[in-house]
């Protein structure tokens, strides 16, 4: 059991893995929080599996990456303060691209369900997702009623993690850390994440210092662990 003092009695863990997902706008600090949680749980004697959504879940990854760079001429790689880039993929919202995006996201939803079935049968203690289907749904344009209805369908298909984190961040600060997408898109994207987080009951980690966010994540996992043991 995870206690507030961060001690773990692995004999009291539930028989199925605890599944934790991390979502949020680019530059929100997901990698930092994931690395910290893995370090914390590993030190407590738990076995961890990390699943990266883009690498391990999405369908037709190579096709989607190649088409995006070829069609939209966006930069490749990861932006940094010293080397900003201009990506053009999820921030492109033309009608035809939205149709293709919706088709791909539906494939990803079924792929995620298949992976989650395997996860539930594994012997690992904790499974952590670096991004989740929620991160794709957040890219959709909620001003369109049809798209909103489609987004609700995806959320119904989405397997629910034991705990889902949405790391909130000020778009200006996030852009400074990871300059890849235009600020106006980051503002829209942030609002979409917050809206979806409330809809699916995700745990929102508000903008704060790295250490405060680490403490909030660890304590939220501890609380969820205690809840799982009280209600197996």
C-alpha atoms as a PDB file:
ATOM      1  CA  UNK A   1       0.000   0.000   0.000  1.00  0.00           C
ATOM      2  CA  UNK A   2       1.224   3.490  -0.800  1.00  0.00           C
ATOM      3  CA  UNK A   3       1.261   5.573   2.357  1.00  0.00           C
ATOM      4  CA  UNK A   4       1.662   9.363   2.616  1.00  0.00           C
ATOM      5  CA  UNK A   5       5.201   8.723   3.877  1.00  0.00           C
ATOM      6  CA  UNK A   6       5.785   6.889   0.566  1.00  0.00           C
ATOM      7  CA  UNK A   7       6.252   3.400   2.049  1.00  0.00           C
ATOM      8  CA  UNK A   8       4.841   0.530   0.032  1.00  0.00           C
ATOM      9  CA  UNK A   9       3.701  -2.892   1.160  1.00  0.00           C
ATOM     10  CA  UNK A  10       3.564  -4.745  -2.130  1.00  0.00           C
ATOM     11  CA  UNK A  11       1.722  -7.660  -0.545  1.00  0.00           C
ATOM     12  CA  UNK A  12      -1.348  -5.442  -0.367  1.00  0.00           C
ATOM     13  CA  UNK A  13      -1.315  -4.387  -4.009  1.00  0.00           C
ATOM     14  CA  UNK A  14      -4.436  -5.240  -6.026  1.00  0.00           C
ATOM     15  CA  UNK A  15      -4.172  -8.309  -8.236  1.00  0.00           C
ATOM     16  CA  UNK A  16      -4.349  -6.214 -11.409  1.00  0.00           C
ATOM     17  CA  UNK A  17      -1.946  -3.435 -12.385  1.00  0.00           C
ATOM     18  CA  UNK A  18      -2.597   0.137 -11.408  1.00  0.00           C
ATOM     19  CA  UNK A  19      -2.836   2.143 -14.658  1.00  0.00           C
ATOM     20  CA  UNK A  20      -1.753   5.791 -14.639  1.00  0.00           C
ATOM     21  CA  UNK A  21      -1.912   8.163 -17.603  1.00  0.00           C
ATOM     22  CA  UNK A  22      -0.295  11.579 -18.076  1.00  0.00           C
ATOM     23  CA  UNK A  23      -1.734  14.161 -20.467  1.00  0.00           C
ATOM     24  CA  UNK A  24      -1.308  17.872 -21.122  1.00  0.00           C
ATOM     25  CA  UNK A  25      -0.163  20.486 -23.595  1.00  0.00           C
ATOM     26  CA  UNK A  26       3.360  20.351 -24.974  1.00  0.00           C
ATOM     27  CA  UNK A  27       5.746  21.808 -22.428  1.00  0.00           C
ATOM     28  CA  UNK A  28       3.529  21.048 -19.430  1.00  0.00           C
ATOM     29  CA  UNK A  29       6.222  18.838 -17.855  1.00  0.00           C
ATOM     30  CA  UNK A  30       4.864  15.333 -18.469  1.00  0.00           C
ATOM     31  CA  UNK A  31       8.277  13.712 -18.962  1.00  0.00           C
ATOM     32  CA  UNK A  32       9.607  15.244 -15.744  1.00  0.00           C
ATOM     33  CA  UNK A  33       6.648  14.018 -13.698  1.00  0.00           C
ATOM     34  CA  UNK A  34       6.691  10.557 -15.279  1.00  0.00           C
ATOM     35  CA  UNK A  35      10.408  10.139 -14.578  1.00  0.00           C
ATOM     36  CA  UNK A  36       9.913  11.235 -10.971  1.00  0.00           C
ATOM     37  CA  UNK A  37       6.991   8.866 -10.397  1.00  0.00           C
ATOM     38  CA  UNK A  38       8.870   5.930 -11.923  1.00  0.00           C
ATOM     39  CA  UNK A  39      11.846   6.665  -9.669  1.00  0.00           C
ATOM     40  CA  UNK A  40       9.582   6.903  -6.636  1.00  0.00           C
ATOM     41  CA  UNK A  41       7.642   3.701  -7.330  1.00  0.00           C
ATOM     42  CA  UNK A  42      10.741   1.727  -8.303  1.00  0.00           C
ATOM     43  CA  UNK A  43      12.407   2.741  -5.036  1.00  0.00           C
ATOM     44  CA  UNK A  44       9.303   1.432  -3.278  1.00  0.00           C
ATOM     45  CA  UNK A  45       9.900  -1.994  -4.832  1.00  0.00           C
ATOM     46  CA  UNK A  46       7.216  -1.904  -7.526  1.00  0.00           C
ATOM     47  CA  UNK A  47       7.604  -3.115 -11.107  1.00  0.00           C
ATOM     48  CA  UNK A  48       6.767  -0.483 -13.723  1.00  0.00           C
ATOM     49  CA  UNK A  49       5.905  -0.616 -17.425  1.00  0.00           C
ATOM     50  CA  UNK A  50       5.988   2.630 -19.413  1.00  0.00           C
ATOM     51  CA  UNK A  51       3.858   2.838 -22.552  1.00  0.00           C
ATOM     52  CA  UNK A  52       4.447   5.783 -24.870  1.00  0.00           C
ATOM     53  CA  UNK A  53       1.192   6.464 -26.693  1.00  0.00           C
ATOM     54  CA  UNK A  54       2.681   7.659 -29.979  1.00  0.00           C
ATOM     55  CA  UNK A  55       5.250   4.852 -30.176  1.00  0.00           C
ATOM     56  CA  UNK A  56       3.247   1.945 -28.772  1.00  0.00           C
ATOM     57  CA  UNK A  57      -0.436   2.644 -29.447  1.00  0.00           C
ATOM     58  CA  UNK A  58      -1.138   4.789 -32.507  1.00  0.00           C
ATOM     59  CA  UNK A  59      -1.917   3.049 -35.763  1.00  0.00           C
ATOM     60  CA  UNK A  60      -0.107   3.740 -39.064  1.00  0.00           C
ATOM     61  CA  UNK A  61       2.476   5.880 -37.273  1.00  0.00           C
ATOM     62  CA  UNK A  62       4.982   6.058 -40.141  1.00  0.00           C
ATOM     63  CA  UNK A  63       2.276   7.021 -42.645  1.00  0.00           C
ATOM     64  CA  UNK A  64       0.949   9.752 -40.385  1.00  0.00           C
ATOM     65  CA  UNK A  65       4.378  11.196 -39.653  1.00  0.00           C
ATOM     66  CA  UNK A  66       5.483  11.122 -43.286  1.00  0.00           C
ATOM     67  CA  UNK A  67       2.269  12.630 -44.621  1.00  0.00           C
ATOM     68  CA  UNK A  68       2.333  15.385 -42.025  1.00  0.00           C
ATOM     69  CA  UNK A  69       5.853  16.511 -42.852  1.00  0.00           C
ATOM     70  CA  UNK A  70       5.360  16.168 -46.599  1.00  0.00           C
ATOM     71  CA  UNK A  71       2.000  17.933 -46.803  1.00  0.00           C
ATOM     72  CA  UNK A  72       2.343  20.636 -44.138  1.00  0.00           C
ATOM     73  CA  UNK A  73       6.117  21.197 -44.344  1.00  0.00           C
ATOM     74  CA  UNK A  74       6.441  21.248 -40.569  1.00  0.00           C
ATOM     75  CA  UNK A  75       9.766  20.877 -38.806  1.00  0.00           C
ATOM     76  CA  UNK A  76      10.821  17.524 -37.403  1.00  0.00           C
ATOM     77  CA  UNK A  77      12.230  16.844 -33.956  1.00  0.00           C
ATOM     78  CA  UNK A  78      11.615  18.388 -30.542  1.00  0.00           C
ATOM     79  CA  UNK A  79      11.811  22.111 -29.938  1.00  0.00           C
ATOM     80  CA  UNK A  80      13.961  23.641 -27.202  1.00  0.00           C
ATOM     81  CA  UNK A  81      14.571  27.224 -26.019  1.00  0.00           C
ATOM     82  CA  UNK A  82      17.877  27.228 -27.904  1.00  0.00           C
ATOM     83  CA  UNK A  83      16.464  25.586 -31.015  1.00  0.00           C
ATOM     84  CA  UNK A  84      12.784  26.412 -31.548  1.00  0.00           C
ATOM     85  CA  UNK A  85      10.918  24.649 -34.337  1.00  0.00           C
ATOM     86  CA  UNK A  86       7.589  25.098 -36.114  1.00  0.00           C
ATOM     87  CA  UNK A  87       5.525  21.945 -36.173  1.00  0.00           C
ATOM     88  CA  UNK A  88       2.435  21.668 -38.313  1.00  0.00           C
ATOM     89  CA  UNK A  89       0.359  18.629 -37.532  1.00  0.00           C
ATOM     90  CA  UNK A  90      -2.219  18.585 -34.732  1.00  0.00           C
ATOM     91  CA  UNK A  91      -2.601  22.372 -34.928  1.00  0.00           C
ATOM     92  CA  UNK A  92      -3.836  22.103 -38.542  1.00  0.00           C
ATOM     93  CA  UNK A  93      -7.648  22.009 -38.471  1.00  0.00           C
ATOM     94  CA  UNK A  94      -8.862  22.109 -42.061  1.00  0.00           C
ATOM     95  CA  UNK A  95     -12.084  20.115 -42.720  1.00  0.00           C
ATOM     96  CA  UNK A  96     -10.400  17.373 -44.770  1.00  0.00           C
ATOM     97  CA  UNK A  97      -7.607  16.958 -42.223  1.00  0.00           C
ATOM     98  CA  UNK A  98     -10.184  16.779 -39.441  1.00  0.00           C
ATOM     99  CA  UNK A  99     -11.949  13.913 -41.246  1.00  0.00           C
ATOM    100  CA  UNK A 100      -8.705  11.955 -41.598  1.00  0.00           C
ATOM    101  CA  UNK A 101      -7.768  12.757 -38.011  1.00  0.00           C
ATOM    102  CA  UNK A 102     -11.099  11.449 -36.722  1.00  0.00           C
ATOM    103  CA  UNK A 103     -10.622   8.195 -38.655  1.00  0.00           C
ATOM    104  CA  UNK A 104      -7.121   7.709 -37.246  1.00  0.00           C
ATOM    105  CA  UNK A 105      -8.257   8.494 -33.710  1.00  0.00           C
ATOM    106  CA  UNK A 106     -10.966   5.843 -33.937  1.00  0.00           C
ATOM    107  CA  UNK A 107      -8.346   3.277 -34.961  1.00  0.00           C
ATOM    108  CA  UNK A 108      -6.198   4.398 -32.041  1.00  0.00           C
ATOM    109  CA  UNK A 109      -9.114   3.968 -29.641  1.00  0.00           C
ATOM    110  CA  UNK A 110      -9.553   0.325 -30.624  1.00  0.00           C
ATOM    111  CA  UNK A 111      -5.782  -0.244 -30.509  1.00  0.00           C
ATOM    112  CA  UNK A 112      -5.730   1.210 -26.984  1.00  0.00           C
ATOM    113  CA  UNK A 113      -8.547  -1.081 -25.878  1.00  0.00           C
ATOM    114  CA  UNK A 114      -6.585  -4.077 -27.171  1.00  0.00           C
ATOM    115  CA  UNK A 115      -3.429  -2.977 -25.357  1.00  0.00           C
ATOM    116  CA  UNK A 116      -5.359  -2.343 -22.165  1.00  0.00           C
ATOM    117  CA  UNK A 117      -6.706  -5.898 -22.240  1.00  0.00           C
ATOM    118  CA  UNK A 118      -3.114  -7.173 -22.337  1.00  0.00           C
ATOM    119  CA  UNK A 119      -2.133  -4.740 -19.584  1.00  0.00           C
ATOM    120  CA  UNK A 120      -4.852  -6.068 -17.287  1.00  0.00           C
ATOM    121  CA  UNK A 121      -3.485  -9.610 -17.717  1.00  0.00           C
ATOM    122  CA  UNK A 122       0.134  -8.672 -17.005  1.00  0.00           C
ATOM    123  CA  UNK A 123       1.997  -9.277 -13.753  1.00  0.00           C
ATOM    124  CA  UNK A 124       3.457  -5.779 -13.520  1.00  0.00           C
ATOM    125  CA  UNK A 125       2.449  -3.620 -10.550  1.00  0.00           C
ATOM    126  CA  UNK A 126       2.029  -0.259 -12.287  1.00  0.00           C
ATOM    127  CA  UNK A 127       1.558   0.697 -15.942  1.00  0.00           C
ATOM    128  CA  UNK A 128       2.210   4.335 -16.877  1.00  0.00           C
ATOM    129  CA  UNK A 129       1.030   5.880 -20.142  1.00  0.00           C
ATOM    130  CA  UNK A 130       2.978   8.828 -21.536  1.00  0.00           C
ATOM    131  CA  UNK A 131       0.016  10.542 -23.204  1.00  0.00           C
ATOM    132  CA  UNK A 132      -3.317   8.854 -23.758  1.00  0.00           C
ATOM    133  CA  UNK A 133      -6.327   8.966 -26.069  1.00  0.00           C
ATOM    134  CA  UNK A 134      -7.357  12.110 -24.191  1.00  0.00           C
ATOM    135  CA  UNK A 135      -4.416  13.911 -25.834  1.00  0.00           C
ATOM    136  CA  UNK A 136      -5.844  13.157 -29.263  1.00  0.00           C
ATOM    137  CA  UNK A 137      -9.384  14.174 -28.373  1.00  0.00           C
ATOM    138  CA  UNK A 138      -7.995  17.500 -27.102  1.00  0.00           C
ATOM    139  CA  UNK A 139      -6.804  18.284 -30.642  1.00  0.00           C
ATOM    140  CA  UNK A 140     -10.346  18.336 -32.024  1.00  0.00           C
ATOM    141  CA  UNK A 141     -12.390  21.482 -32.653  1.00  0.00           C
ATOM    142  CA  UNK A 142     -15.157  21.543 -30.042  1.00  0.00           C
ATOM    143  CA  UNK A 143     -16.877  24.494 -31.727  1.00  0.00           C
ATOM    144  CA  UNK A 144     -18.342  21.992 -34.205  1.00  0.00           C
ATOM    145  CA  UNK A 145     -21.363  20.058 -32.873  1.00  0.00           C
ATOM    146  CA  UNK A 146     -20.623  16.962 -34.968  1.00  0.00           C
ATOM    147  CA  UNK A 147     -17.020  16.898 -33.771  1.00  0.00           C
ATOM    148  CA  UNK A 148     -18.201  17.257 -30.157  1.00  0.00           C
ATOM    149  CA  UNK A 149     -20.489  14.242 -30.586  1.00  0.00           C
ATOM    150  CA  UNK A 150     -17.622  12.274 -32.110  1.00  0.00           C
ATOM    151  CA  UNK A 151     -15.357  13.260 -29.219  1.00  0.00           C
ATOM    152  CA  UNK A 152     -17.904  11.908 -26.751  1.00  0.00           C
ATOM    153  CA  UNK A 153     -17.927   8.609 -28.670  1.00  0.00           C
ATOM    154  CA  UNK A 154     -14.143   8.367 -28.359  1.00  0.00           C
ATOM    155  CA  UNK A 155     -14.338   9.067 -24.628  1.00  0.00           C
ATOM    156  CA  UNK A 156     -16.858   6.240 -24.240  1.00  0.00           C
ATOM    157  CA  UNK A 157     -14.494   3.882 -26.086  1.00  0.00           C
ATOM    158  CA  UNK A 158     -11.490   5.027 -24.053  1.00  0.00           C
ATOM    159  CA  UNK A 159     -10.479   2.563 -21.305  1.00  0.00           C
ATOM    160  CA  UNK A 160     -10.461   4.401 -17.982  1.00  0.00           C
ATOM    161  CA  UNK A 161      -7.101   4.372 -16.168  1.00  0.00           C
ATOM    162  CA  UNK A 162      -6.904   3.915 -12.409  1.00  0.00           C
ATOM    163  CA  UNK A 163      -5.861   7.556 -12.295  1.00  0.00           C
ATOM    164  CA  UNK A 164      -5.591  10.023 -15.155  1.00  0.00           C
ATOM    165  CA  UNK A 165      -3.410  13.115 -14.725  1.00  0.00           C
ATOM    166  CA  UNK A 166      -3.813  16.275 -16.769  1.00  0.00           C
ATOM    167  CA  UNK A 167      -0.857  18.564 -16.167  1.00  0.00           C
ATOM    168  CA  UNK A 168      -2.041  22.125 -16.528  1.00  0.00           C
ATOM    169  CA  UNK A 169       0.437  24.816 -17.562  1.00  0.00           C
ATOM    170  CA  UNK A 170       0.510  28.440 -18.553  1.00  0.00           C
ATOM    171  CA  UNK A 171       0.805  28.384 -22.365  1.00  0.00           C
ATOM    172  CA  UNK A 172       3.422  31.147 -22.392  1.00  0.00           C
ATOM    173  CA  UNK A 173       5.660  29.257 -19.959  1.00  0.00           C
ATOM    174  CA  UNK A 174       5.032  25.961 -21.773  1.00  0.00           C
ATOM    175  CA  UNK A 175       5.984  27.575 -25.082  1.00  0.00           C
ATOM    176  CA  UNK A 176       9.176  28.934 -23.513  1.00  0.00           C
ATOM    177  CA  UNK A 177      10.146  25.408 -22.430  1.00  0.00           C
ATOM    178  CA  UNK A 178       9.108  23.690 -25.652  1.00  0.00           C
ATOM    179  CA  UNK A 179       8.669  26.106 -28.583  1.00  0.00           C
ATOM    180  CA  UNK A 180       6.957  23.974 -31.206  1.00  0.00           C
ATOM    181  CA  UNK A 181       3.365  25.155 -31.692  1.00  0.00           C
ATOM    182  CA  UNK A 182       1.892  28.677 -31.978  1.00  0.00           C
ATOM    183  CA  UNK A 183       0.776  30.299 -28.729  1.00  0.00           C
ATOM    184  CA  UNK A 184      -2.803  30.724 -29.919  1.00  0.00           C
ATOM    185  CA  UNK A 185      -3.038  26.966 -30.481  1.00  0.00           C
ATOM    186  CA  UNK A 186      -1.586  26.241 -27.027  1.00  0.00           C
ATOM    187  CA  UNK A 187      -4.264  28.431 -25.426  1.00  0.00           C
ATOM    188  CA  UNK A 188      -7.020  26.606 -27.329  1.00  0.00           C
ATOM    189  CA  UNK A 189      -5.432  23.237 -26.583  1.00  0.00           C
ATOM    190  CA  UNK A 190      -5.133  24.011 -22.869  1.00  0.00           C
ATOM    191  CA  UNK A 191      -8.826  24.915 -22.644  1.00  0.00           C
ATOM    192  CA  UNK A 192      -9.698  21.645 -24.389  1.00  0.00           C
ATOM    193  CA  UNK A 193      -7.629  19.641 -21.894  1.00  0.00           C
ATOM    194  CA  UNK A 194      -9.276  21.321 -18.913  1.00  0.00           C
ATOM    195  CA  UNK A 195     -12.718  20.741 -20.387  1.00  0.00           C
ATOM    196  CA  UNK A 196     -12.000  17.067 -21.041  1.00  0.00           C
ATOM    197  CA  UNK A 197     -10.379  16.576 -17.642  1.00  0.00           C
ATOM    198  CA  UNK A 198     -13.565  17.736 -15.927  1.00  0.00           C
ATOM    199  CA  UNK A 199     -15.675  15.548 -18.211  1.00  0.00           C
ATOM    200  CA  UNK A 200     -13.767  12.303 -17.564  1.00  0.00           C
ATOM    201  CA  UNK A 201     -12.920  13.013 -13.919  1.00  0.00           C
ATOM    202  CA  UNK A 202      -9.165  13.329 -14.459  1.00  0.00           C
ATOM    203  CA  UNK A 203      -6.896  14.739 -11.757  1.00  0.00           C
ATOM    204  CA  UNK A 204      -5.738  18.207 -12.769  1.00  0.00           C
ATOM    205  CA  UNK A 205      -2.296  19.215 -11.512  1.00  0.00           C
ATOM    206  CA  UNK A 206      -2.381  23.036 -11.553  1.00  0.00           C
ATOM    207  CA  UNK A 207       0.545  25.189 -12.694  1.00  0.00           C
ATOM    208  CA  UNK A 208       3.173  25.237  -9.941  1.00  0.00           C
ATOM    209  CA  UNK A 209       6.816  24.555  -9.262  1.00  0.00           C
ATOM    210  CA  UNK A 210       8.257  21.239 -10.415  1.00  0.00           C
ATOM    211  CA  UNK A 211       8.669  20.055  -6.823  1.00  0.00           C
ATOM    212  CA  UNK A 212       5.104  20.999  -5.872  1.00  0.00           C
ATOM    213  CA  UNK A 213       3.767  19.157  -8.931  1.00  0.00           C
ATOM    214  CA  UNK A 214       5.869  16.096  -8.035  1.00  0.00           C
ATOM    215  CA  UNK A 215       4.438  16.055  -4.522  1.00  0.00           C
ATOM    216  CA  UNK A 216       0.881  16.436  -5.841  1.00  0.00           C
ATOM    217  CA  UNK A 217       1.304  13.547  -8.291  1.00  0.00           C
ATOM    218  CA  UNK A 218       2.811  11.210  -5.679  1.00  0.00           C
ATOM    219  CA  UNK A 219       0.106  12.024  -3.118  1.00  0.00           C
ATOM    220  CA  UNK A 220      -2.676  11.551  -5.697  1.00  0.00           C
ATOM    221  CA  UNK A 221      -1.285   8.120  -6.571  1.00  0.00           C
ATOM    222  CA  UNK A 222      -1.089   7.270  -2.855  1.00  0.00           C
ATOM    223  CA  UNK A 223      -4.710   8.260  -2.326  1.00  0.00           C
ATOM    224  CA  UNK A 224      -5.851   6.250  -5.332  1.00  0.00           C
ATOM    225  CA  UNK A 225      -3.886   3.228  -4.143  1.00  0.00           C
ATOM    226  CA  UNK A 226      -5.574   3.367  -0.749  1.00  0.00           C
ATOM    227  CA  UNK A 227      -8.944   3.666  -2.479  1.00  0.00           C
ATOM    228  CA  UNK A 228      -8.241   0.587  -4.629  1.00  0.00           C
ATOM    229  CA  UNK A 229      -7.396  -1.426  -1.534  1.00  0.00           C
ATOM    230  CA  UNK A 230     -10.501  -0.308   0.314  1.00  0.00           C
ATOM    231  CA  UNK A 231     -12.670  -1.110  -2.721  1.00  0.00           C
ATOM    232  CA  UNK A 232     -10.942  -3.962  -4.625  1.00  0.00           C
END
